[in-house]
Amino acid sequence: MLGRTLRGRYEIIKHLGTGFSETYLALDKDLPGKPYCIVKQLKPQLRDPFVLQTATRLFETEAQVLYKLGNHDQIPRLSAHFEENGEFYLVQEFINGDILSNDIIPGKQWSEDKVINFLQDILKILEFVHQQNIIHRDIKPSNIIRRTSDGKLVLIDFGAVKEIISTLKPNSQGKTVPIGTPGYVPSEQAIGNPEFNSDIYALGITAIQALTGILPKQLPKNPETHEVVWRDLVQVKPQLADILDKMVRYDSRKRYQSVNEVSQALSSLVTKNKLKKWQNTKIALALVFIALVPCIAVLVPEIRDKIFASSHHDSSLLTYDSSNYFLIRMKYPKDWITQKIEDRFTGDVAKFFLPQNNSSNSFQPELSVEMQDLQKPISLPEYTNSKVNEITQYSTSPRIHESHPAKLANLPAHEVIYTGKQEQVNVKMMAVWTVKDSKAYIVTYTAEESQYDTFLETAQAMINSLEIRESASTPPK
């Protein structure tokens, strides 16, 4: 294969590995600078027409899945998929970085904080994956890359590809090859019945490996319960150990049932840790305060001025009150323009944006509010799935960067941050939505990508001020 050019475009320059498929590093000769790309070769071993027909159909279906997944910033894009000379090829984005198996090694123990940050990063990616009704099925250190350009973790080598290959390459008994890596695979996946929390198990095992410095297959297990026995191998806070234990329970019914559950448990743990650190510093802060009393006395006029400035800032906010049909109230800066829409057919309520100025920036930041009447009662996770699908399917060049739980109008909500194009301009968007009484409420902040952070604090304050009134008589706060 070395030196061969596929489709007259992808020049194979290096063989990277053999596993479920042959993997090569290639040059994309059609693009400026001939950037690197990854080529996976799927070679059928059986020439039975029915098997090939099934494999072709599965190849097309799973290629669409991989293409859809590539809309997330921390998942490689699928650039092309094609068949040539009876062999199947997938071309994916090349990720320049270090695989995590170079950092999670035998004998090396990660700190608790590092493990928590790792879990939170991967859980955000997994939440997006599961929203697409996809199970990764092979989470392990060698399938995670820390990208050189920004230090973010990238999840690679999805089981979707392996499902195609297991169909093309049955074992000697004619059965399909199980997907996953021993040590990281939970019992239900090992017998061919993976569940969404099978990924949670694999991620938990990876975290335990990072904490203990011990390979998964070498971790002791209780011979009766089959539970992983690891707490005595490393000093770890009981709260984190409890979370990891629940992630890797042998019985999938006793595990966390969703990524969101794990994320909430970790967030609660982080909050408690911060509170404890704060309590430990109270005495020191009190002593410092006593020492600074004379200085504070001198600075009283300045403090008073700042309080006045803050009060003046509050008075510069205006309140948007929608009609009794939409029952939405929001605060906004008085120098922002309000466009009252309140269209019952489209669900558009209002838009807030900065007035055009004389700068070169033709795309002005805006914040829009929508209310959608739902055909039937629907849960927040169900609506989130449909909304994320809508973003990935109908936005121009979408790339999801974050997808995680949030709050809106004091209700459980979901937030997605993504980039795309509008009017040929690279834009960045933050969409937050919640569901209440068979209605969905959506607030979206949009700005030119280079200006996104400039107005983010203002947009966040506006979003946080959103109220959903119970009735027309509800007074402003």
Protein backbone atom coordinates (compact mmCIF):
# COMPACT_ATOMS: atom_id res chain seq x y z
CA MET A 1 0.00 0.00 0.00
CA LEU A 2 2.88 2.41 0.68
CA GLY A 3 3.21 4.90 -2.16
CA ARG A 4 -0.23 4.03 -3.53
CA THR A 5 -2.68 6.86 -4.22
CA LEU A 6 -6.36 6.14 -3.62
CA ARG A 7 -8.98 7.88 -5.74
CA GLY A 8 -6.14 9.90 -7.24
CA ARG A 9 -6.13 11.94 -4.03
CA TYR A 10 -4.98 10.12 -0.88
CA GLU A 11 -1.29 9.16 -1.04
CA ILE A 12 -0.38 6.44 1.49
CA ILE A 13 2.92 7.31 3.21
CA LYS A 14 3.01 5.22 6.40
CA HIS A 15 1.47 2.10 7.91
CA LEU A 16 0.25 2.94 11.43
CA GLY A 17 -1.22 -0.30 12.68
CA THR A 18 -3.20 -3.46 12.25
CA GLY A 19 -6.25 -4.35 14.30
CA PHE A 20 -9.84 -4.40 13.24
CA SER A 21 -8.58 -2.66 10.11
CA GLU A 22 -5.36 -1.60 8.42
CA THR A 23 -4.63 2.00 9.34
CA TYR A 24 -2.43 4.31 7.28
CA LEU A 25 -1.16 7.86 7.37
CA ALA A 26 -1.78 9.61 4.07
CA LEU A 27 -1.45 12.97 2.34
CA ASP A 28 -4.54 14.68 0.95
CA LYS A 29 -3.14 15.90 -2.38
CA ASP A 30 -6.28 17.88 -3.26
CA LEU A 31 -5.94 20.36 -0.40
CA PRO A 32 -3.41 23.21 -0.03
CA GLY A 33 -0.29 22.07 1.79
CA LYS A 34 -1.23 18.39 1.37
CA PRO A 35 -2.37 17.91 4.99
CA TYR A 36 -2.18 14.55 6.73
CA CYS A 37 -5.24 12.32 6.99
CA ILE A 38 -5.99 8.84 8.34
CA VAL A 39 -7.05 6.06 5.96
CA LYS A 40 -8.65 2.89 7.29
CA GLN A 41 -8.75 -0.07 4.91
CA LEU A 42 -11.53 -2.62 5.42
CA LYS A 43 -10.75 -5.68 3.34
CA PRO A 44 -13.47 -8.39 3.11
CA GLN A 45 -12.15 -11.91 3.64
CA LEU A 46 -15.31 -13.57 2.38
CA ARG A 47 -16.55 -13.11 -1.17
CA ASP A 48 -20.06 -14.39 -0.55
CA PRO A 49 -22.42 -12.01 -2.45
CA PHE A 50 -24.86 -11.80 0.45
CA VAL A 51 -22.10 -10.93 2.93
CA LEU A 52 -20.72 -8.28 0.59
CA GLN A 53 -24.19 -6.81 0.02
CA THR A 54 -24.79 -6.65 3.77
CA ALA A 55 -21.35 -5.16 4.36
CA THR A 56 -21.92 -2.49 1.70
CA ARG A 57 -25.20 -1.45 3.29
CA LEU A 58 -23.66 -1.41 6.77
CA PHE A 59 -20.65 0.52 5.47
CA GLU A 60 -22.90 3.27 4.07
CA THR A 61 -25.01 3.45 7.22
CA GLU A 62 -22.09 3.59 9.63
CA ALA A 63 -20.23 6.10 7.46
CA GLN A 64 -23.20 8.42 7.87
CA VAL A 65 -22.99 7.90 11.64
CA LEU A 66 -19.29 8.74 11.69
CA TYR A 67 -19.88 11.82 9.55
CA LYS A 68 -22.54 13.01 11.99
CA LEU A 69 -20.27 12.40 14.99
CA GLY A 70 -17.55 14.50 13.37
CA ASN A 71 -19.68 17.60 13.97
CA HIS A 72 -18.22 17.60 17.50
CA ASP A 73 -14.94 19.47 17.89
CA GLN A 74 -13.40 16.62 19.92
CA ILE A 75 -14.23 13.81 17.49
CA PRO A 76 -12.31 13.39 14.19
CA ARG A 77 -14.26 14.33 11.07
CA LEU A 78 -15.00 11.74 8.42
CA SER A 79 -13.62 13.23 5.19
CA ALA A 80 -14.59 10.49 2.74
CA HIS A 81 -15.76 6.91 2.41
CA PHE A 82 -15.55 4.86 -0.76
CA GLU A 83 -15.10 1.41 -2.28
CA GLU A 84 -12.19 0.69 -4.61
CA ASN A 85 -11.29 -2.69 -6.14
CA GLY A 86 -13.62 -4.52 -3.78
CA GLU A 87 -12.12 -2.93 -0.67
CA PHE A 88 -13.72 -0.36 1.64
CA TYR A 89 -11.95 2.81 2.78
CA LEU A 90 -12.67 5.44 5.41
CA VAL A 91 -10.74 8.73 5.40
CA GLN A 92 -10.71 10.66 8.67
CA GLU A 93 -9.22 13.86 10.03
CA PHE A 94 -5.67 13.47 11.36
CA ILE A 95 -5.34 14.56 15.00
CA ASN A 96 -1.89 15.83 15.87
CA GLY A 97 -1.25 15.00 19.52
CA ASP A 98 -0.24 12.41 22.11
CA ILE A 99 -2.29 9.31 22.83
CA LEU A 100 -3.24 9.02 26.48
CA SER A 101 -1.64 5.58 26.78
CA ASN A 102 1.70 7.45 26.82
CA ASP A 103 0.57 9.23 30.00
CA ILE A 104 -1.45 6.46 31.67
CA ILE A 105 1.32 3.92 32.14
CA PRO A 106 2.05 1.14 34.67
CA GLY A 107 3.55 2.49 37.88
CA LYS A 108 2.49 6.10 37.27
CA GLN A 109 -0.36 7.44 39.41
CA TRP A 110 -2.43 10.46 38.47
CA SER A 111 -3.64 12.91 41.10
CA GLU A 112 -7.33 12.96 42.03
CA ASP A 113 -7.79 16.43 40.51
CA LYS A 114 -6.26 15.29 37.22
CA VAL A 115 -8.55 12.25 37.11
CA ILE A 116 -11.63 14.36 37.86
CA ASN A 117 -10.74 16.82 35.08
CA PHE A 118 -10.16 13.91 32.70
CA LEU A 119 -13.53 12.37 33.54
CA GLN A 120 -15.37 15.67 33.11
CA ASP A 121 -13.74 16.27 29.71
CA ILE A 122 -14.56 12.83 28.31
CA LEU A 123 -18.08 12.84 29.77
CA LYS A 124 -18.89 15.99 27.78
CA ILE A 125 -17.89 14.22 24.56
CA LEU A 126 -19.73 11.04 25.55
CA GLU A 127 -22.90 12.98 26.26
CA PHE A 128 -22.92 14.19 22.65
CA VAL A 129 -22.18 10.67 21.36
CA HIS A 130 -25.01 9.13 23.37
CA GLN A 131 -27.38 11.87 22.22
CA GLN A 132 -26.84 10.47 18.72
CA ASN A 133 -27.93 7.04 20.06
CA ILE A 134 -24.40 5.72 19.57
CA ILE A 135 -22.29 3.65 21.96
CA HIS A 136 -18.53 4.03 21.53
CA ARG A 137 -17.77 0.48 22.74
CA ASP A 138 -13.98 0.81 22.97
CA ILE A 139 -13.03 3.57 25.40
CA LYS A 140 -9.43 3.13 26.59
CA PRO A 141 -6.29 5.31 26.84
CA SER A 142 -5.04 4.45 23.34
CA ASN A 143 -8.33 5.72 21.86
CA ILE A 144 -7.98 9.16 23.44
CA ILE A 145 -5.62 11.81 22.06
CA ARG A 146 -4.57 15.05 23.76
CA ARG A 147 -4.53 17.49 20.85
CA THR A 148 -1.33 19.51 20.56
CA SER A 149 -2.96 22.72 19.32
CA ASP A 150 -5.23 23.33 22.32
CA GLY A 151 -4.65 20.52 24.84
CA LYS A 152 -8.20 19.19 24.45
CA LEU A 153 -8.96 15.48 24.58
CA VAL A 154 -10.19 13.87 21.35
CA LEU A 155 -12.09 10.57 21.28
CA ILE A 156 -11.20 8.29 18.35
CA ASP A 157 -11.73 4.79 16.95
CA PHE A 158 -15.47 4.31 17.36
CA GLY A 159 -17.07 0.88 17.49
CA ALA A 160 -19.12 1.79 14.43
CA VAL A 161 -16.07 1.12 12.26
CA LYS A 162 -15.41 -2.13 14.08
CA GLU A 163 -18.98 -3.26 13.53
CA ILE A 164 -18.43 -3.02 9.78
CA ILE A 165 -15.17 -4.92 10.05
CA SER A 166 -16.57 -7.63 12.32
CA THR A 167 -19.16 -8.26 9.61
CA LEU A 168 -16.47 -8.41 6.94
CA LYS A 169 -14.07 -10.52 9.03
CA PRO A 170 -15.89 -13.29 10.90
CA ASN A 171 -13.80 -15.62 13.02
CA SER A 172 -13.00 -19.23 12.22
CA GLN A 173 -16.39 -20.37 13.56
CA GLY A 174 -18.20 -17.93 11.28
CA LYS A 175 -19.22 -15.65 14.17
CA THR A 176 -18.68 -11.92 14.26
CA VAL A 177 -15.73 -10.66 16.30
CA PRO A 178 -16.69 -9.06 19.67
CA ILE A 179 -16.06 -5.32 19.79
CA GLY A 180 -13.97 -3.89 22.64
CA THR A 181 -10.73 -4.45 24.52
CA PRO A 182 -10.42 -7.05 27.32
CA GLY A 183 -10.15 -5.37 30.70
CA TYR A 184 -12.21 -2.37 29.62
CA VAL A 185 -15.25 -4.33 28.40
CA PRO A 186 -18.13 -4.93 30.85
CA SER A 187 -19.87 -8.29 31.04
CA GLU A 188 -22.95 -7.34 29.01
CA GLN A 189 -20.83 -6.03 26.14
CA ALA A 190 -18.64 -9.13 26.19
CA ILE A 191 -21.69 -11.24 25.26
CA GLY A 192 -22.77 -8.85 22.52
CA ASN A 193 -25.30 -6.69 24.40
CA PRO A 194 -23.65 -3.29 24.92
CA GLU A 195 -25.61 -0.56 26.69
CA PHE A 196 -24.98 3.16 27.00
CA ASN A 197 -23.49 2.67 30.45
CA SER A 198 -21.05 0.13 28.98
CA ASP A 199 -19.10 3.24 27.95
CA ILE A 200 -19.37 4.52 31.53
CA TYR A 201 -17.81 1.24 32.74
CA ALA A 202 -14.88 1.54 30.31
CA LEU A 203 -14.30 5.18 31.30
CA GLY A 204 -14.40 4.27 35.00
CA ILE A 205 -11.85 1.48 34.48
CA THR A 206 -9.61 3.94 32.61
CA ALA A 207 -9.85 6.38 35.54
CA ILE A 208 -8.99 3.63 38.05
CA GLN A 209 -6.03 2.65 35.87
CA ALA A 210 -4.82 6.28 35.91
CA LEU A 211 -5.22 6.52 39.71
CA THR A 212 -3.55 3.21 40.57
CA GLY A 213 -1.00 2.84 37.78
CA ILE A 214 -2.21 -0.75 37.29
CA LEU A 215 -3.42 -2.26 34.01
CA PRO A 216 -7.13 -3.24 34.00
CA LYS A 217 -6.49 -6.96 33.47
CA GLN A 218 -4.23 -6.93 36.55
CA LEU A 219 -6.79 -5.28 38.84
CA PRO A 220 -8.08 -7.81 41.40
CA LYS A 221 -11.75 -8.83 41.36
CA ASN A 222 -13.99 -10.33 43.99
CA PRO A 223 -14.44 -13.98 42.93
CA GLU A 224 -18.06 -14.04 44.11
CA THR A 225 -19.40 -10.63 43.04
CA HIS A 226 -16.93 -10.02 40.15
CA GLU A 227 -16.59 -6.40 41.36
CA VAL A 228 -13.24 -4.64 40.83
CA VAL A 229 -11.32 -4.42 44.12
CA TRP A 230 -8.99 -1.43 43.91
CA ARG A 231 -9.45 0.95 46.87
CA ASP A 232 -6.57 -0.56 48.85
CA LEU A 233 -4.17 0.03 45.95
CA VAL A 234 -4.10 3.83 46.25
CA GLN A 235 -5.06 6.60 48.67
CA VAL A 236 -8.20 8.27 47.35
CA LYS A 237 -11.03 10.29 48.88
CA PRO A 238 -14.07 8.09 49.64
CA GLN A 239 -16.42 10.32 47.62
CA LEU A 240 -14.42 9.90 44.41
CA ALA A 241 -13.96 6.18 45.09
CA ASP A 242 -17.73 5.80 45.50
CA ILE A 243 -18.32 7.45 42.11
CA LEU A 244 -15.77 5.22 40.39
CA ASP A 245 -17.16 2.10 42.08
CA LYS A 246 -20.63 2.92 40.77
CA MET A 247 -19.23 3.52 37.27
CA VAL A 248 -17.69 0.03 37.17
CA ARG A 249 -20.35 -2.08 38.87
CA TYR A 250 -20.51 -5.58 37.37
CA ASP A 251 -24.32 -5.45 37.08
CA SER A 252 -25.17 -2.71 34.57
CA ARG A 253 -28.46 -2.05 36.41
CA LYS A 254 -26.48 -0.92 39.47
CA ARG A 255 -24.24 1.41 37.45
CA TYR A 256 -24.94 5.03 36.61
CA GLN A 257 -27.60 4.91 33.90
CA SER A 258 -26.51 8.02 32.02
CA VAL A 259 -23.53 10.29 31.46
CA ASN A 260 -25.53 13.11 33.02
CA GLU A 261 -25.77 11.21 36.32
CA VAL A 262 -21.98 10.81 36.47
CA SER A 263 -21.43 14.47 35.57
CA GLN A 264 -23.77 15.62 38.34
CA ALA A 265 -22.04 13.38 40.90
CA LEU A 266 -18.63 14.78 39.91
CA SER A 267 -19.92 18.38 39.96
CA SER A 268 -21.27 17.84 43.47
CA LEU A 269 -17.90 16.41 44.53
CA VAL A 270 -15.98 19.36 43.06
CA THR A 271 -18.33 21.83 44.78
CA LYS A 272 -17.84 20.10 48.14
CA ASN A 273 -14.06 20.13 47.69
CA LYS A 274 -14.08 23.86 46.91
CA LEU A 275 -16.29 24.54 49.94
CA LYS A 276 -13.94 22.58 52.19
CA LYS A 277 -10.92 24.49 50.89
CA TRP A 278 -12.78 27.74 51.51
CA GLN A 279 -13.63 26.73 55.07
CA ASN A 280 -9.98 25.87 55.71
CA THR A 281 -8.93 29.38 54.70
CA LYS A 282 -11.56 31.31 56.69
CA ILE A 283 -9.36 31.85 59.74
CA ALA A 284 -6.43 33.03 57.63
CA LEU A 285 -8.68 35.44 55.75
CA ALA A 286 -10.10 36.76 59.00
CA LEU A 287 -6.60 37.48 60.30
CA VAL A 288 -5.68 39.22 57.06
CA PHE A 289 -8.86 41.29 57.26
CA ILE A 290 -8.04 42.41 60.81
CA ALA A 291 -4.57 43.44 59.69
CA LEU A 292 -6.03 45.43 56.80
CA VAL A 293 -8.65 47.34 58.80
CA PRO A 294 -6.63 50.60 58.77
CA CYS A 295 -6.22 50.36 54.99
CA ILE A 296 -9.92 49.67 54.54
CA ALA A 297 -10.74 52.81 56.50
CA VAL A 298 -8.65 54.84 54.07
CA LEU A 299 -10.29 53.19 51.09
CA VAL A 300 -13.91 53.71 52.25
CA PRO A 301 -14.57 56.55 49.77
CA GLU A 302 -13.40 54.35 46.87
CA ILE A 303 -15.57 51.45 48.07
CA ARG A 304 -18.54 53.79 48.25
CA ASP A 305 -17.87 54.95 44.70
CA LYS A 306 -17.76 51.36 43.47
CA ILE A 307 -21.07 50.59 45.16
CA PHE A 308 -22.58 53.59 43.44
CA ALA A 309 -21.12 52.49 40.12
CA SER A 310 -22.66 49.05 40.58
CA SER A 311 -26.03 50.60 41.38
CA HIS A 312 -25.78 52.79 38.33
CA HIS A 313 -24.98 49.72 36.24
CA ASP A 314 -28.18 48.03 37.49
CA SER A 315 -30.21 51.10 36.57
CA SER A 316 -28.83 50.90 33.03
CA LEU A 317 -30.62 47.58 32.54
CA LEU A 318 -34.04 47.51 30.95
CA THR A 319 -36.65 44.77 31.25
CA TYR A 320 -38.31 43.10 28.29
CA ASP A 321 -41.80 41.82 29.10
CA SER A 322 -43.50 39.71 26.45
CA SER A 323 -47.23 39.43 25.88
CA ASN A 324 -49.44 37.23 28.05
CA TYR A 325 -49.13 34.43 25.49
CA PHE A 326 -45.37 33.98 25.78
CA LEU A 327 -45.01 35.01 29.45
CA ILE A 328 -41.28 35.71 29.14
CA ARG A 329 -39.32 38.40 30.95
CA MET A 330 -35.64 39.25 30.49
CA LYS A 331 -33.24 42.04 31.42
CA TYR A 332 -30.98 43.58 28.80
CA PRO A 333 -28.51 46.52 28.54
CA LYS A 334 -30.13 49.77 27.51
CA ASP A 335 -27.58 50.24 24.71
CA TRP A 336 -28.79 47.03 23.03
CA ILE A 337 -31.59 47.23 20.48
CA THR A 338 -34.74 45.16 21.05
CA GLN A 339 -36.66 43.61 18.17
CA LYS A 340 -40.04 42.46 19.45
CA ILE A 341 -41.31 39.61 17.25
CA GLU A 342 -43.73 37.44 19.27
CA ASP A 343 -44.76 35.30 16.31
CA ARG A 344 -46.98 32.45 17.53
CA PHE A 345 -46.44 30.52 14.30
CA THR A 346 -42.61 30.49 14.31
CA GLY A 347 -42.20 30.73 18.08
CA ASP A 348 -39.78 33.67 17.79
CA VAL A 349 -40.26 35.95 20.79
CA ALA A 350 -37.59 38.66 20.58
CA LYS A 351 -34.07 39.49 19.48
CA PHE A 352 -31.55 41.72 21.23
CA PHE A 353 -28.50 43.05 19.42
CA LEU A 354 -25.89 45.77 19.43
CA PRO A 355 -26.49 48.63 16.99
CA GLN A 356 -24.30 48.73 13.89
CA ASN A 357 -21.16 50.79 14.38
CA ASN A 358 -18.58 52.13 12.00
CA SER A 359 -16.11 49.34 12.69
CA SER A 360 -15.16 46.73 10.14
CA ASN A 361 -17.26 44.12 11.96
CA SER A 362 -20.37 43.71 9.82
CA PHE A 363 -21.77 40.85 11.91
CA GLN A 364 -23.23 42.18 15.14
CA PRO A 365 -23.67 40.01 18.26
CA GLU A 366 -27.27 39.07 18.98
CA LEU A 367 -29.31 37.13 21.50
CA SER A 368 -32.60 35.53 20.46
CA VAL A 369 -35.43 34.08 22.54
CA GLU A 370 -37.85 31.42 21.27
CA MET A 371 -40.78 29.49 22.65
CA GLN A 372 -41.93 26.34 20.86
CA ASP A 373 -45.27 24.66 21.48
CA LEU A 374 -44.59 20.93 21.65
CA GLN A 375 -47.07 18.51 20.13
CA LYS A 376 -47.03 16.36 23.27
CA PRO A 377 -45.33 16.30 26.67
CA ILE A 378 -41.63 15.58 26.19
CA SER A 379 -38.71 15.24 28.59
CA LEU A 380 -35.65 17.49 28.52
CA PRO A 381 -33.33 14.64 27.34
CA GLU A 382 -35.74 13.82 24.49
CA TYR A 383 -35.95 17.45 23.41
CA THR A 384 -32.17 17.79 23.72
CA ASN A 385 -31.67 14.86 21.34
CA SER A 386 -33.93 16.43 18.73
CA LYS A 387 -32.38 19.89 19.18
CA VAL A 388 -28.80 18.61 18.81
CA ASN A 389 -29.87 16.69 15.69
CA GLU A 390 -31.41 19.89 14.34
CA ILE A 391 -28.15 21.78 14.94
CA THR A 392 -25.99 19.15 13.24
CA GLN A 393 -28.32 18.67 10.27
CA TYR A 394 -29.48 22.18 9.43
CA SER A 395 -26.66 24.50 10.50
CA THR A 396 -23.96 25.40 8.01
CA SER A 397 -20.63 23.67 8.78
CA PRO A 398 -21.59 22.95 12.41
CA ARG A 399 -18.94 21.97 14.95
CA ILE A 400 -20.11 21.25 18.51
CA HIS A 401 -17.56 22.22 21.17
CA GLU A 402 -19.52 21.67 24.39
CA SER A 403 -22.79 19.93 25.31
CA HIS A 404 -23.72 19.75 28.99
CA PRO A 405 -26.50 20.28 31.59
CA ALA A 406 -27.31 23.85 32.61
CA LYS A 407 -29.99 26.02 34.24
CA LEU A 408 -32.51 28.35 32.58
CA ALA A 409 -35.19 30.27 34.47
CA ASN A 410 -34.32 28.16 37.55
CA LEU A 411 -35.23 25.00 35.63
CA PRO A 412 -33.04 22.07 34.53
CA ALA A 413 -31.73 22.94 31.08
CA HIS A 414 -29.14 21.97 28.50
CA GLU A 415 -26.42 24.10 26.90
CA VAL A 416 -24.63 23.56 23.61
CA ILE A 417 -21.74 25.70 22.34
CA TYR A 418 -20.96 25.30 18.66
CA THR A 419 -19.43 27.06 15.68
CA GLY A 420 -20.64 27.38 12.10
CA LYS A 421 -21.19 29.87 9.32
CA GLN A 422 -23.80 32.59 8.82
CA GLU A 423 -23.67 34.88 5.82
CA GLN A 424 -20.19 33.46 5.04
CA VAL A 425 -18.99 34.62 8.47
CA ASN A 426 -17.47 32.23 11.02
CA VAL A 427 -19.74 32.48 14.04
CA LYS A 428 -19.86 30.92 17.49
CA MET A 429 -23.14 30.20 19.25
CA MET A 430 -24.34 29.27 22.71
CA ALA A 431 -27.84 27.78 22.84
CA VAL A 432 -29.59 27.05 26.14
CA TRP A 433 -33.00 25.40 26.36
CA THR A 434 -35.45 24.03 28.87
CA VAL A 435 -38.87 22.35 28.77
CA LYS A 436 -41.92 23.33 30.83
CA ASP A 437 -45.64 22.61 30.44
CA SER A 438 -45.30 21.14 26.92
CA LYS A 439 -43.33 24.17 25.77
CA ALA A 440 -39.64 24.52 24.95
CA TYR A 441 -37.81 27.77 25.74
CA ILE A 442 -34.62 28.46 23.80
CA VAL A 443 -32.13 31.32 24.19
CA THR A 444 -29.30 31.59 21.65
CA TYR A 445 -26.31 33.93 21.78
CA THR A 446 -24.57 34.39 18.42
CA ALA A 447 -21.42 36.37 17.65
CA GLU A 448 -18.58 36.42 15.17
CA GLU A 449 -16.14 33.80 16.42
CA SER A 450 -13.39 36.35 17.06
CA GLN A 451 -15.84 38.54 19.07
CA TYR A 452 -17.63 35.77 20.98
CA ASP A 453 -15.71 36.13 24.26
CA THR A 454 -16.01 39.94 24.19
CA PHE A 455 -19.77 39.89 24.75
CA LEU A 456 -20.09 36.51 26.48
CA GLU A 457 -20.41 37.94 29.99
CA THR A 458 -23.23 40.26 28.91
CA ALA A 459 -25.03 37.47 27.07
CA GLN A 460 -24.68 35.14 30.06
CA ALA A 461 -26.12 37.78 32.38
CA MET A 462 -29.10 38.23 30.05
CA ILE A 463 -29.68 34.47 29.89
CA ASN A 464 -29.46 34.19 33.68
CA SER A 465 -32.08 36.92 34.06
CA LEU A 466 -34.70 35.05 32.01
CA GLU A 467 -37.99 34.44 33.81
CA ILE A 468 -40.93 32.34 32.68
CA ARG A 469 -43.94 33.98 34.29
CA GLU A 470 -46.71 31.84 35.73
CA SER A 471 -49.37 34.32 34.68
CA ALA A 472 -49.88 37.84 33.39
CA SER A 473 -50.11 39.13 36.95
CA THR A 474 -46.64 37.99 38.02
CA PRO A 475 -44.77 41.17 39.07
CA PRO A 476 -41.21 41.88 37.94
CA LYS A 477 -38.47 40.91 40.41
